[in-house]
Amino acid sequence: MNFSQQYYQEIHENCKRYFVYFTSRVAIVYNPLTNKQRFYEGHRSKITCLAMHPLFFYVASGEASFKPSIHVWNVVNCEPFKIMPTTHKNGIIHLAFSKDSSLIVSIGMDINFSI
């Protein structure tokens, strides 16, 4: 029995979870059950941060650019839900949804790390 078989639990057989990560300007949604990937390619600049919505259906992603925007997009079909311009300079270093998911907080890459 190898390592992965030893710790595998059958309760996860029908798990609907995805792995979401980014590289350069592309966000990737990986489904481990089907071993398939989908891509969100809405950013024009490098993605610098991701935040998962509390219900796990949406992801917010920020980018590094002179006038960065926040993209909120659907994990299931990789379609944009909302693209919001910001007043940050140089990019966005961190994003977070509020507990009730009504707000998104962003921190800029400027010298004061504006919120």
PDB file of N, CA and C in Angstrom:
ATOM      1  N   MET A   1       0.850  -1.167   0.000  1.00  0.00           N
ATOM      2  CA  MET A   1       0.000   0.000   0.000  1.00  0.00           C
ATOM      3  C   MET A   1       0.904   1.241   0.000  1.00  0.00           C
ATOM      4  N   ASN A   2       0.693   2.139  -0.979  1.00  0.00           N
ATOM      5  CA  ASN A   2       1.509   3.348  -1.015  1.00  0.00           C
ATOM      6  C   ASN A   2       0.898   4.453  -0.149  1.00  0.00           C
ATOM      7  N   PHE A   3       1.613   5.568  -0.050  1.00  0.00           N
ATOM      8  CA  PHE A   3       1.224   6.660   0.844  1.00  0.00           C
ATOM      9  C   PHE A   3      -0.180   7.192   0.541  1.00  0.00           C
ATOM     10  N   SER A   4      -0.495   7.437  -0.735  1.00  0.00           N
ATOM     11  CA  SER A   4      -1.798   8.015  -1.079  1.00  0.00           C
ATOM     12  C   SER A   4      -2.947   7.046  -0.779  1.00  0.00           C
ATOM     13  N   GLN A   5      -2.733   5.753  -0.948  1.00  0.00           N
ATOM     14  CA  GLN A   5      -3.784   4.788  -0.637  1.00  0.00           C
ATOM     15  C   GLN A   5      -3.988   4.656   0.869  1.00  0.00           C
ATOM     16  N   GLN A   6      -2.923   4.786   1.624  1.00  0.00           N
ATOM     17  CA  GLN A   6      -3.000   4.652   3.065  1.00  0.00           C
ATOM     18  C   GLN A   6      -3.870   5.753   3.684  1.00  0.00           C
ATOM     19  N   TYR A   7      -3.796   6.986   3.160  1.00  0.00           N
ATOM     20  CA  TYR A   7      -4.518   8.102   3.761  1.00  0.00           C
ATOM     21  C   TYR A   7      -5.789   8.490   3.003  1.00  0.00           C
ATOM     22  N   TYR A   8      -6.106   7.780   1.948  1.00  0.00           N
ATOM     23  CA  TYR A   8      -7.321   8.074   1.189  1.00  0.00           C
ATOM     24  C   TYR A   8      -8.547   7.595   1.964  1.00  0.00           C
ATOM     25  N   GLN A   9      -9.560   8.441   2.032  1.00  0.00           N
ATOM     26  CA  GLN A   9     -10.797   8.074   2.710  1.00  0.00           C
ATOM     27  C   GLN A   9     -11.924   8.057   1.686  1.00  0.00           C
ATOM     28  N   GLU A  10     -12.699   6.999   1.659  1.00  0.00           N
ATOM     29  CA  GLU A  10     -13.765   6.873   0.670  1.00  0.00           C
ATOM     30  C   GLU A  10     -14.850   7.924   0.831  1.00  0.00           C
ATOM     31  N   ILE A  11     -14.935   8.547   1.997  1.00  0.00           N
ATOM     32  CA  ILE A  11     -15.934   9.588   2.204  1.00  0.00           C
ATOM     33  C   ILE A  11     -15.721  10.751   1.232  1.00  0.00           C
ATOM     34  N   HIS A  12     -14.506  10.913   0.691  1.00  0.00           N
ATOM     35  CA  HIS A  12     -14.191  11.988  -0.239  1.00  0.00           C
ATOM     36  C   HIS A  12     -14.401  11.588  -1.698  1.00  0.00           C
ATOM     37  N   GLU A  13     -14.943  10.424  -1.929  1.00  0.00           N
ATOM     38  CA  GLU A  13     -15.108   9.914  -3.281  1.00  0.00           C
ATOM     39  C   GLU A  13     -15.904  10.867  -4.178  1.00  0.00           C
ATOM     40  N   ASN A  14     -16.974  11.451  -3.654  1.00  0.00           N
ATOM     41  CA  ASN A  14     -17.824  12.336  -4.454  1.00  0.00           C
ATOM     42  C   ASN A  14     -17.635  13.802  -4.086  1.00  0.00           C
ATOM     43  N   CYS A  15     -16.481  14.138  -3.628  1.00  0.00           N
ATOM     44  CA  CYS A  15     -16.172  15.502  -3.213  1.00  0.00           C
ATOM     45  C   CYS A  15     -16.272  16.445  -4.419  1.00  0.00           C
ATOM     46  N   LYS A  16     -16.866  17.605  -4.218  1.00  0.00           N
ATOM     47  CA  LYS A  16     -17.039  18.577  -5.296  1.00  0.00           C
ATOM     48  C   LYS A  16     -16.092  19.761  -5.132  1.00  0.00           C
ATOM     49  N   ARG A  17     -14.975  19.573  -4.487  1.00  0.00           N
ATOM     50  CA  ARG A  17     -14.054  20.679  -4.249  1.00  0.00           C
ATOM     51  C   ARG A  17     -13.099  20.860  -5.415  1.00  0.00           C
ATOM     52  N   TYR A  18     -12.683  22.108  -5.589  1.00  0.00           N
ATOM     53  CA  TYR A  18     -11.742  22.473  -6.628  1.00  0.00           C
ATOM     54  C   TYR A  18     -10.526  23.143  -5.999  1.00  0.00           C
ATOM     55  N   PHE A  19      -9.413  23.081  -6.684  1.00  0.00           N
ATOM     56  CA  PHE A  19      -8.232  23.840  -6.298  1.00  0.00           C
ATOM     57  C   PHE A  19      -8.182  25.068  -7.193  1.00  0.00           C
ATOM     58  N   VAL A  20      -8.032  26.246  -6.595  1.00  0.00           N
ATOM     59  CA  VAL A  20      -7.956  27.484  -7.362  1.00  0.00           C
ATOM     60  C   VAL A  20      -6.602  28.129  -7.074  1.00  0.00           C
ATOM     61  N   TYR A  21      -5.871  28.415  -8.127  1.00  0.00           N
ATOM     62  CA  TYR A  21      -4.565  29.054  -7.988  1.00  0.00           C
ATOM     63  C   TYR A  21      -4.293  29.883  -9.232  1.00  0.00           C
ATOM     64  N   PHE A  22      -3.207  30.638  -9.233  1.00  0.00           N
ATOM     65  CA  PHE A  22      -2.928  31.482 -10.391  1.00  0.00           C
ATOM     66  C   PHE A  22      -1.464  31.397 -10.772  1.00  0.00           C
ATOM     67  N   THR A  23      -1.211  31.702 -12.020  1.00  0.00           N
ATOM     68  CA  THR A  23       0.133  31.851 -12.538  1.00  0.00           C
ATOM     69  C   THR A  23       0.081  32.956 -13.587  1.00  0.00           C
ATOM     70  N   SER A  24       0.898  33.950 -13.401  1.00  0.00           N
ATOM     71  CA  SER A  24       0.927  35.128 -14.260  1.00  0.00           C
ATOM     72  C   SER A  24      -0.462  35.767 -14.315  1.00  0.00           C
ATOM     73  N   ARG A  25      -1.068  35.907 -15.476  1.00  0.00           N
ATOM     74  CA  ARG A  25      -2.374  36.567 -15.576  1.00  0.00           C
ATOM     75  C   ARG A  25      -3.542  35.583 -15.721  1.00  0.00           C
ATOM     76  N   VAL A  26      -3.284  34.313 -15.482  1.00  0.00           N
ATOM     77  CA  VAL A  26      -4.307  33.280 -15.640  1.00  0.00           C
ATOM     78  C   VAL A  26      -4.609  32.620 -14.291  1.00  0.00           C
ATOM     79  N   ALA A  27      -5.895  32.521 -13.964  1.00  0.00           N
ATOM     80  CA  ALA A  27      -6.330  31.777 -12.778  1.00  0.00           C
ATOM     81  C   ALA A  27      -6.762  30.389 -13.240  1.00  0.00           C
ATOM     82  N   ILE A  28      -6.412  29.384 -12.476  1.00  0.00           N
ATOM     83  CA  ILE A  28      -6.686  27.993 -12.842  1.00  0.00           C
ATOM     84  C   ILE A  28      -7.587  27.368 -11.795  1.00  0.00           C
ATOM     85  N   VAL A  29      -8.618  26.657 -12.267  1.00  0.00           N
ATOM     86  CA  VAL A  29      -9.511  25.896 -11.391  1.00  0.00           C
ATOM     87  C   VAL A  29      -9.310  24.437 -11.748  1.00  0.00           C
ATOM     88  N   TYR A  30      -8.789  23.670 -10.805  1.00  0.00           N
ATOM     89  CA  TYR A  30      -8.474  22.266 -11.037  1.00  0.00           C
ATOM     90  C   TYR A  30      -9.465  21.379 -10.299  1.00  0.00           C
ATOM     91  N   ASN A  31     -10.039  20.412 -11.002  1.00  0.00           N
ATOM     92  CA  ASN A  31     -10.943  19.434 -10.420  1.00  0.00           C
ATOM     93  C   ASN A  31     -10.171  18.123 -10.270  1.00  0.00           C
ATOM     94  N   PRO A  32      -9.846  17.719  -9.023  1.00  0.00           N
ATOM     95  CA  PRO A  32      -9.039  16.509  -8.841  1.00  0.00           C
ATOM     96  C   PRO A  32      -9.764  15.214  -9.189  1.00  0.00           C
ATOM     97  N   LEU A  33     -11.093  15.227  -9.175  1.00  0.00           N
ATOM     98  CA  LEU A  33     -11.827  14.002  -9.511  1.00  0.00           C
ATOM     99  C   LEU A  33     -11.781  13.685 -10.995  1.00  0.00           C
ATOM    100  N   THR A  34     -11.867  14.720 -11.823  1.00  0.00           N
ATOM    101  CA  THR A  34     -11.842  14.499 -13.265  1.00  0.00           C
ATOM    102  C   THR A  34     -10.465  14.758 -13.867  1.00  0.00           C
ATOM    103  N   ASN A  35      -9.539  15.280 -13.034  1.00  0.00           N
ATOM    104  CA  ASN A  35      -8.199  15.635 -13.489  1.00  0.00           C
ATOM    105  C   ASN A  35      -8.251  16.627 -14.653  1.00  0.00           C
ATOM    106  N   LYS A  36      -9.182  17.594 -14.566  1.00  0.00           N
ATOM    107  CA  LYS A  36      -9.335  18.606 -15.611  1.00  0.00           C
ATOM    108  C   LYS A  36      -9.177  19.987 -15.013  1.00  0.00           C
ATOM    109  N   GLN A  37      -8.791  20.923 -15.869  1.00  0.00           N
ATOM    110  CA  GLN A  37      -8.604  22.302 -15.463  1.00  0.00           C
ATOM    111  C   GLN A  37      -9.486  23.215 -16.315  1.00  0.00           C
ATOM    112  N   ARG A  38      -9.881  24.337 -15.700  1.00  0.00           N
ATOM    113  CA  ARG A  38     -10.544  25.422 -16.420  1.00  0.00           C
ATOM    114  C   ARG A  38      -9.747  26.680 -16.119  1.00  0.00           C
ATOM    115  N   PHE A  39      -9.889  27.692 -16.965  1.00  0.00           N
ATOM    116  CA  PHE A  39      -9.053  28.877 -16.835  1.00  0.00           C
ATOM    117  C   PHE A  39      -9.888  30.147 -16.846  1.00  0.00           C
ATOM    118  N   TYR A  40      -9.549  31.081 -15.971  1.00  0.00           N
ATOM    119  CA  TYR A  40     -10.103  32.428 -16.028  1.00  0.00           C
ATOM    120  C   TYR A  40      -9.010  33.325 -16.581  1.00  0.00           C
ATOM    121  N   GLU A  41      -9.270  33.927 -17.744  1.00  0.00           N
ATOM    122  CA  GLU A  41      -8.258  34.727 -18.429  1.00  0.00           C
ATOM    123  C   GLU A  41      -8.702  36.181 -18.604  1.00  0.00           C
ATOM    124  N   GLY A  42      -9.453  36.708 -17.637  1.00  0.00           N
ATOM    125  CA  GLY A  42      -9.982  38.059 -17.749  1.00  0.00           C
ATOM    126  C   GLY A  42      -9.017  39.174 -17.393  1.00  0.00           C
ATOM    127  N   HIS A  43      -7.926  38.852 -16.721  1.00  0.00           N
ATOM    128  CA  HIS A  43      -6.972  39.887 -16.314  1.00  0.00           C
ATOM    129  C   HIS A  43      -6.047  40.276 -17.459  1.00  0.00           C
ATOM    130  N   ARG A  44      -5.687  41.567 -17.509  1.00  0.00           N
ATOM    131  CA  ARG A  44      -4.720  42.034 -18.495  1.00  0.00           C
ATOM    132  C   ARG A  44      -3.311  42.099 -17.920  1.00  0.00           C
ATOM    133  N   SER A  45      -3.220  42.072 -16.580  1.00  0.00           N
ATOM    134  CA  SER A  45      -1.922  42.113 -15.902  1.00  0.00           C
ATOM    135  C   SER A  45      -1.787  40.890 -15.000  1.00  0.00           C
ATOM    136  N   LYS A  46      -0.600  40.725 -14.406  1.00  0.00           N
ATOM    137  CA  LYS A  46      -0.359  39.577 -13.536  1.00  0.00           C
ATOM    138  C   LYS A  46      -1.289  39.592 -12.332  1.00  0.00           C
ATOM    139  N   ILE A  47      -1.826  38.438 -11.995  1.00  0.00           N
ATOM    140  CA  ILE A  47      -2.653  38.282 -10.801  1.00  0.00           C
ATOM    141  C   ILE A  47      -1.712  38.246  -9.601  1.00  0.00           C
ATOM    142  N   THR A  48      -2.084  38.972  -8.539  1.00  0.00           N
ATOM    143  CA  THR A  48      -1.234  39.056  -7.355  1.00  0.00           C
ATOM    144  C   THR A  48      -1.883  38.451  -6.121  1.00  0.00           C
ATOM    145  N   CYS A  49      -3.202  38.264  -6.122  1.00  0.00           N
ATOM    146  CA  CYS A  49      -3.868  37.719  -4.943  1.00  0.00           C
ATOM    147  C   CYS A  49      -5.235  37.149  -5.315  1.00  0.00           C
ATOM    148  N   LEU A  50      -5.700  36.228  -4.468  1.00  0.00           N
ATOM    149  CA  LEU A  50      -7.026  35.607  -4.614  1.00  0.00           C
ATOM    150  C   LEU A  50      -7.727  35.609  -3.264  1.00  0.00           C
ATOM    151  N   ALA A  51      -9.055  35.667  -3.294  1.00  0.00           N
ATOM    152  CA  ALA A  51      -9.862  35.515  -2.085  1.00  0.00           C
ATOM    153  C   ALA A  51     -11.087  34.694  -2.441  1.00  0.00           C
ATOM    154  N   MET A  52     -11.374  33.690  -1.631  1.00  0.00           N
ATOM    155  CA  MET A  52     -12.555  32.853  -1.844  1.00  0.00           C
ATOM    156  C   MET A  52     -13.764  33.476  -1.163  1.00  0.00           C
ATOM    157  N   HIS A  53     -14.875  33.481  -1.860  1.00  0.00           N
ATOM    158  CA  HIS A  53     -16.144  33.925  -1.294  1.00  0.00           C
ATOM    159  C   HIS A  53     -16.544  32.936  -0.203  1.00  0.00           C
ATOM    160  N   PRO A  54     -17.200  33.381   0.880  1.00  0.00           N
ATOM    161  CA  PRO A  54     -17.577  32.458   1.959  1.00  0.00           C
ATOM    162  C   PRO A  54     -18.436  31.264   1.525  1.00  0.00           C
ATOM    163  N   LEU A  55     -19.174  31.401   0.429  1.00  0.00           N
ATOM    164  CA  LEU A  55     -19.982  30.278  -0.072  1.00  0.00           C
ATOM    165  C   LEU A  55     -19.233  29.423  -1.086  1.00  0.00           C
ATOM    166  N   PHE A  56     -18.002  29.794  -1.410  1.00  0.00           N
ATOM    167  CA  PHE A  56     -17.107  29.047  -2.307  1.00  0.00           C
ATOM    168  C   PHE A  56     -17.558  28.979  -3.765  1.00  0.00           C
ATOM    169  N   PHE A  57     -18.524  29.799  -4.189  1.00  0.00           N
ATOM    170  CA  PHE A  57     -18.932  29.822  -5.598  1.00  0.00           C
ATOM    171  C   PHE A  57     -18.180  30.880  -6.386  1.00  0.00           C
ATOM    172  N   TYR A  58     -17.670  31.882  -5.701  1.00  0.00           N
ATOM    173  CA  TYR A  58     -16.996  32.983  -6.366  1.00  0.00           C
ATOM    174  C   TYR A  58     -15.584  33.168  -5.813  1.00  0.00           C
ATOM    175  N   VAL A  59     -14.735  33.723  -6.664  1.00  0.00           N
ATOM    176  CA  VAL A  59     -13.378  34.077  -6.293  1.00  0.00           C
ATOM    177  C   VAL A  59     -13.167  35.533  -6.699  1.00  0.00           C
ATOM    178  N   ALA A  60     -12.485  36.286  -5.846  1.00  0.00           N
ATOM    179  CA  ALA A  60     -12.053  37.634  -6.200  1.00  0.00           C
ATOM    180  C   ALA A  60     -10.556  37.566  -6.457  1.00  0.00           C
ATOM    181  N   SER A  61     -10.112  38.202  -7.526  1.00  0.00           N
ATOM    182  CA  SER A  61      -8.684  38.213  -7.848  1.00  0.00           C
ATOM    183  C   SER A  61      -8.251  39.643  -8.137  1.00  0.00           C
ATOM    184  N   GLY A  62      -7.068  39.984  -7.659  1.00  0.00           N
ATOM    185  CA  GLY A  62      -6.502  41.310  -7.869  1.00  0.00           C
ATOM    186  C   GLY A  62      -5.268  41.215  -8.735  1.00  0.00           C
ATOM    187  N   GLU A  63      -4.884  42.343  -9.320  1.00  0.00           N
ATOM    188  CA  GLU A  63      -3.781  42.331 -10.272  1.00  0.00           C
ATOM    189  C   GLU A  63      -2.753  43.420  -9.975  1.00  0.00           C
ATOM    190  N   ALA A  64      -1.608  43.313 -10.601  1.00  0.00           N
ATOM    191  CA  ALA A  64      -0.546  44.304 -10.484  1.00  0.00           C
ATOM    192  C   ALA A  64      -0.540  45.147 -11.753  1.00  0.00           C
ATOM    193  N   SER A  65      -0.928  46.403 -11.631  1.00  0.00           N
ATOM    194  CA  SER A  65      -0.864  47.346 -12.738  1.00  0.00           C
ATOM    195  C   SER A  65      -0.989  48.752 -12.176  1.00  0.00           C
ATOM    196  N   PHE A  66      -0.786  49.754 -13.016  1.00  0.00           N
ATOM    197  CA  PHE A  66      -0.861  51.126 -12.538  1.00  0.00           C
ATOM    198  C   PHE A  66      -2.273  51.454 -12.039  1.00  0.00           C
ATOM    199  N   LYS A  67      -3.281  50.971 -12.732  1.00  0.00           N
ATOM    200  CA  LYS A  67      -4.680  51.141 -12.314  1.00  0.00           C
ATOM    201  C   LYS A  67      -5.311  49.752 -12.215  1.00  0.00           C
ATOM    202  N   PRO A  68      -5.087  49.047 -11.117  1.00  0.00           N
ATOM    203  CA  PRO A  68      -5.558  47.662 -11.010  1.00  0.00           C
ATOM    204  C   PRO A  68      -7.069  47.570 -10.807  1.00  0.00           C
ATOM    205  N   SER A  69      -7.599  46.419 -11.147  1.00  0.00           N
ATOM    206  CA  SER A  69      -9.017  46.146 -10.931  1.00  0.00           C
ATOM    207  C   SER A  69      -9.166  44.837 -10.160  1.00  0.00           C
ATOM    208  N   ILE A  70     -10.335  44.689  -9.561  1.00  0.00           N
ATOM    209  CA  ILE A  70     -10.680  43.457  -8.847  1.00  0.00           C
ATOM    210  C   ILE A  70     -11.694  42.713  -9.698  1.00  0.00           C
ATOM    211  N   HIS A  71     -11.425  41.467  -9.969  1.00  0.00           N
ATOM    212  CA  HIS A  71     -12.336  40.629 -10.749  1.00  0.00           C
ATOM    213  C   HIS A  71     -13.001  39.633  -9.804  1.00  0.00           C
ATOM    214  N   VAL A  72     -14.310  39.591  -9.824  1.00  0.00           N
ATOM    215  CA  VAL A  72     -15.060  38.573  -9.085  1.00  0.00           C
ATOM    216  C   VAL A  72     -15.639  37.650 -10.150  1.00  0.00           C
ATOM    217  N   TRP A  73     -15.316  36.369 -10.050  1.00  0.00           N
ATOM    218  CA  TRP A  73     -15.712  35.435 -11.104  1.00  0.00           C
ATOM    219  C   TRP A  73     -16.177  34.107 -10.512  1.00  0.00           C
ATOM    220  N   ASN A  74     -16.937  33.384 -11.302  1.00  0.00           N
ATOM    221  CA  ASN A  74     -17.576  32.129 -10.898  1.00  0.00           C
ATOM    222  C   ASN A  74     -16.576  30.974 -11.017  1.00  0.00           C
ATOM    223  N   VAL A  75     -16.460  30.177  -9.972  1.00  0.00           N
ATOM    224  CA  VAL A  75     -15.528  29.046  -9.969  1.00  0.00           C
ATOM    225  C   VAL A  75     -16.005  27.930 -10.900  1.00  0.00           C
ATOM    226  N   VAL A  76     -17.289  27.739 -11.012  1.00  0.00           N
ATOM    227  CA  VAL A  76     -17.828  26.619 -11.780  1.00  0.00           C
ATOM    228  C   VAL A  76     -17.632  26.796 -13.285  1.00  0.00           C
ATOM    229  N   ASN A  77     -17.903  27.994 -13.811  1.00  0.00           N
ATOM    230  CA  ASN A  77     -17.801  28.174 -15.259  1.00  0.00           C
ATOM    231  C   ASN A  77     -16.742  29.196 -15.682  1.00  0.00           C
ATOM    232  N   CYS A  78     -16.023  29.777 -14.716  1.00  0.00           N
ATOM    233  CA  CYS A  78     -14.958  30.760 -14.980  1.00  0.00           C
ATOM    234  C   CYS A  78     -15.448  31.984 -15.752  1.00  0.00           C
ATOM    235  N   GLU A  79     -16.678  32.363 -15.527  1.00  0.00           N
ATOM    236  CA  GLU A  79     -17.245  33.563 -16.140  1.00  0.00           C
ATOM    237  C   GLU A  79     -17.160  34.717 -15.148  1.00  0.00           C
ATOM    238  N   PRO A  80     -16.854  35.941 -15.630  1.00  0.00           N
ATOM    239  CA  PRO A  80     -16.781  37.082 -14.715  1.00  0.00           C
ATOM    240  C   PRO A  80     -18.165  37.460 -14.193  1.00  0.00           C
ATOM    241  N   PHE A  81     -18.232  37.770 -12.911  1.00  0.00           N
ATOM    242  CA  PHE A  81     -19.463  38.245 -12.281  1.00  0.00           C
ATOM    243  C   PHE A  81     -19.440  39.770 -12.216  1.00  0.00           C
ATOM    244  N   LYS A  82     -18.292  40.329 -11.808  1.00  0.00           N
ATOM    245  CA  LYS A  82     -18.147  41.777 -11.683  1.00  0.00           C
ATOM    246  C   LYS A  82     -16.674  42.127 -11.802  1.00  0.00           C
ATOM    247  N   ILE A  83     -16.363  43.185 -12.542  1.00  0.00           N
ATOM    248  CA  ILE A  83     -15.005  43.705 -12.633  1.00  0.00           C
ATOM    249  C   ILE A  83     -15.054  45.127 -12.098  1.00  0.00           C
ATOM    250  N   MET A  84     -14.316  45.360 -11.002  1.00  0.00           N
ATOM    251  CA  MET A  84     -14.384  46.645 -10.306  1.00  0.00           C
ATOM    252  C   MET A  84     -13.061  47.388 -10.399  1.00  0.00           C
ATOM    253  N   PRO A  85     -13.085  48.630 -10.912  1.00  0.00           N
ATOM    254  CA  PRO A  85     -11.865  49.437 -10.886  1.00  0.00           C
ATOM    255  C   PRO A  85     -11.569  49.872  -9.453  1.00  0.00           C
ATOM    256  N   THR A  86     -10.312  50.153  -9.165  1.00  0.00           N
ATOM    257  CA  THR A  86      -9.920  50.603  -7.831  1.00  0.00           C
ATOM    258  C   THR A  86      -9.137  51.910  -7.936  1.00  0.00           C
ATOM    259  N   THR A  87      -8.878  52.514  -6.794  1.00  0.00           N
ATOM    260  CA  THR A  87      -8.045  53.722  -6.749  1.00  0.00           C
ATOM    261  C   THR A  87      -6.626  53.393  -6.307  1.00  0.00           C
ATOM    262  N   HIS A  88      -6.298  52.116  -6.174  1.00  0.00           N
ATOM    263  CA  HIS A  88      -4.947  51.711  -5.786  1.00  0.00           C
ATOM    264  C   HIS A  88      -3.952  52.064  -6.889  1.00  0.00           C
ATOM    265  N   LYS A  89      -2.713  52.222  -6.485  1.00  0.00           N
ATOM    266  CA  LYS A  89      -1.621  52.443  -7.436  1.00  0.00           C
ATOM    267  C   LYS A  89      -0.687  51.241  -7.374  1.00  0.00           C
ATOM    268  N   ASN A  90      -0.210  50.819  -8.502  1.00  0.00           N
ATOM    269  CA  ASN A  90       0.788  49.746  -8.656  1.00  0.00           C
ATOM    270  C   ASN A  90       0.239  48.335  -8.480  1.00  0.00           C
ATOM    271  N   GLY A  91      -0.922  48.156  -7.933  1.00  0.00           N
ATOM    272  CA  GLY A  91      -1.480  46.814  -7.816  1.00  0.00           C
ATOM    273  C   GLY A  91      -2.175  46.571  -6.494  1.00  0.00           C
ATOM    274  N   ILE A  92      -2.640  45.347  -6.348  1.00  0.00           N
ATOM    275  CA  ILE A  92      -3.361  44.915  -5.152  1.00  0.00           C
ATOM    276  C   ILE A  92      -2.578  43.773  -4.535  1.00  0.00           C
ATOM    277  N   ILE A  93      -2.274  43.893  -3.252  1.00  0.00           N
ATOM    278  CA  ILE A  93      -1.461  42.881  -2.579  1.00  0.00           C
ATOM    279  C   ILE A  93      -2.295  41.871  -1.807  1.00  0.00           C
ATOM    280  N   HIS A  94      -3.524  42.257  -1.396  1.00  0.00           N
ATOM    281  CA  HIS A  94      -4.353  41.342  -0.603  1.00  0.00           C
ATOM    282  C   HIS A  94      -5.829  41.665  -0.785  1.00  0.00           C
ATOM    283  N   LEU A  95      -6.656  40.624  -0.771  1.00  0.00           N
ATOM    284  CA  LEU A  95      -8.117  40.746  -0.856  1.00  0.00           C
ATOM    285  C   LEU A  95      -8.745  39.879   0.216  1.00  0.00           C
ATOM    286  N   ALA A  96      -9.916  40.311   0.710  1.00  0.00           N
ATOM    287  CA  ALA A  96     -10.664  39.497   1.673  1.00  0.00           C
ATOM    288  C   ALA A  96     -12.138  39.866   1.588  1.00  0.00           C
ATOM    289  N   PHE A  97     -13.000  38.853   1.655  1.00  0.00           N
ATOM    290  CA  PHE A  97     -14.441  39.072   1.745  1.00  0.00           C
ATOM    291  C   PHE A  97     -14.816  39.275   3.205  1.00  0.00           C
ATOM    292  N   SER A  98     -15.834  40.090   3.447  1.00  0.00           N
ATOM    293  CA  SER A  98     -16.350  40.223   4.810  1.00  0.00           C
ATOM    294  C   SER A  98     -17.089  38.940   5.176  1.00  0.00           C
ATOM    295  N   LYS A  99     -17.326  38.753   6.463  1.00  0.00           N
ATOM    296  CA  LYS A  99     -17.958  37.514   6.934  1.00  0.00           C
ATOM    297  C   LYS A  99     -19.331  37.293   6.304  1.00  0.00           C
ATOM    298  N   ASP A 100     -20.097  38.388   6.135  1.00  0.00           N
ATOM    299  CA  ASP A 100     -21.421  38.256   5.515  1.00  0.00           C
ATOM    300  C   ASP A 100     -21.356  38.350   3.994  1.00  0.00           C
ATOM    301  N   SER A 101     -20.161  38.446   3.437  1.00  0.00           N
ATOM    302  CA  SER A 101     -19.862  38.477   2.001  1.00  0.00           C
ATOM    303  C   SER A 101     -20.447  39.687   1.271  1.00  0.00           C
ATOM    304  N   SER A 102     -20.790  40.738   1.983  1.00  0.00           N
ATOM    305  CA  SER A 102     -21.340  41.921   1.328  1.00  0.00           C
ATOM    306  C   SER A 102     -20.253  42.906   0.899  1.00  0.00           C
ATOM    307  N   LEU A 103     -19.044  42.755   1.427  1.00  0.00           N
ATOM    308  CA  LEU A 103     -17.950  43.677   1.123  1.00  0.00           C
ATOM    309  C   LEU A 103     -16.677  42.918   0.743  1.00  0.00           C
ATOM    310  N   ILE A 104     -15.844  43.597  -0.031  1.00  0.00           N
ATOM    311  CA  ILE A 104     -14.506  43.097  -0.327  1.00  0.00           C
ATOM    312  C   ILE A 104     -13.533  44.169   0.128  1.00  0.00           C
ATOM    313  N   VAL A 105     -12.534  43.766   0.890  1.00  0.00           N
ATOM    314  CA  VAL A 105     -11.485  44.677   1.333  1.00  0.00           C
ATOM    315  C   VAL A 105     -10.252  44.400   0.482  1.00  0.00           C
ATOM    316  N   SER A 106      -9.623  45.473   0.013  1.00  0.00           N
ATOM    317  CA  SER A 106      -8.400  45.312  -0.776  1.00  0.00           C
ATOM    318  C   SER A 106      -7.306  46.200  -0.203  1.00  0.00           C
ATOM    319  N   ILE A 107      -6.083  45.723  -0.282  1.00  0.00           N
ATOM    320  CA  ILE A 107      -4.921  46.473   0.162  1.00  0.00           C
ATOM    321  C   ILE A 107      -4.015  46.683  -1.047  1.00  0.00           C
ATOM    322  N   GLY A 108      -3.659  47.941  -1.263  1.00  0.00           N
ATOM    323  CA  GLY A 108      -2.863  48.296  -2.424  1.00  0.00           C
ATOM    324  C   GLY A 108      -1.374  48.115  -2.220  1.00  0.00           C
ATOM    325  N   MET A 109      -0.640  48.131  -3.320  1.00  0.00           N
ATOM    326  CA  MET A 109       0.816  47.980  -3.290  1.00  0.00           C
ATOM    327  C   MET A 109       1.538  49.319  -3.221  1.00  0.00           C
ATOM    328  N   ASP A 110       0.829  50.393  -2.913  1.00  0.00           N
ATOM    329  CA  ASP A 110       1.466  51.697  -2.825  1.00  0.00           C
ATOM    330  C   ASP A 110       2.306  51.790  -1.557  1.00  0.00           C
ATOM    331  N   ILE A 111       3.011  52.885  -1.388  1.00  0.00           N
ATOM    332  CA  ILE A 111       3.929  53.049  -0.255  1.00  0.00           C
ATOM    333  C   ILE A 111       3.228  53.019   1.096  1.00  0.00           C
ATOM    334  N   ASN A 112       1.943  53.389   1.147  1.00  0.00           N
ATOM    335  CA  ASN A 112       1.177  53.394   2.401  1.00  0.00           C
ATOM    336  C   ASN A 112       0.301  52.148   2.576  1.00  0.00           C
ATOM    337  N   PHE A 113       0.333  51.237   1.636  1.00  0.00           N
ATOM    338  CA  PHE A 113      -0.531  50.051   1.657  1.00  0.00           C
ATOM    339  C   PHE A 113      -1.976  50.453   1.920  1.00  0.00           C
ATOM    340  N   SER A 114      -2.504  51.304   1.061  1.00  0.00           N
ATOM    341  CA  SER A 114      -3.863  51.843   1.233  1.00  0.00           C
ATOM    342  C   SER A 114      -4.913  50.747   1.212  1.00  0.00           C
ATOM    343  N   ILE A 115      -5.995  50.989   1.957  1.00  0.00           N
ATOM    344  CA  ILE A 115      -7.096  50.034   2.043  1.00  0.00           C
ATOM    345  C   ILE A 115      -8.295  50.591   1.308  1.00  0.00           C
TER     346      ILE A 115
END
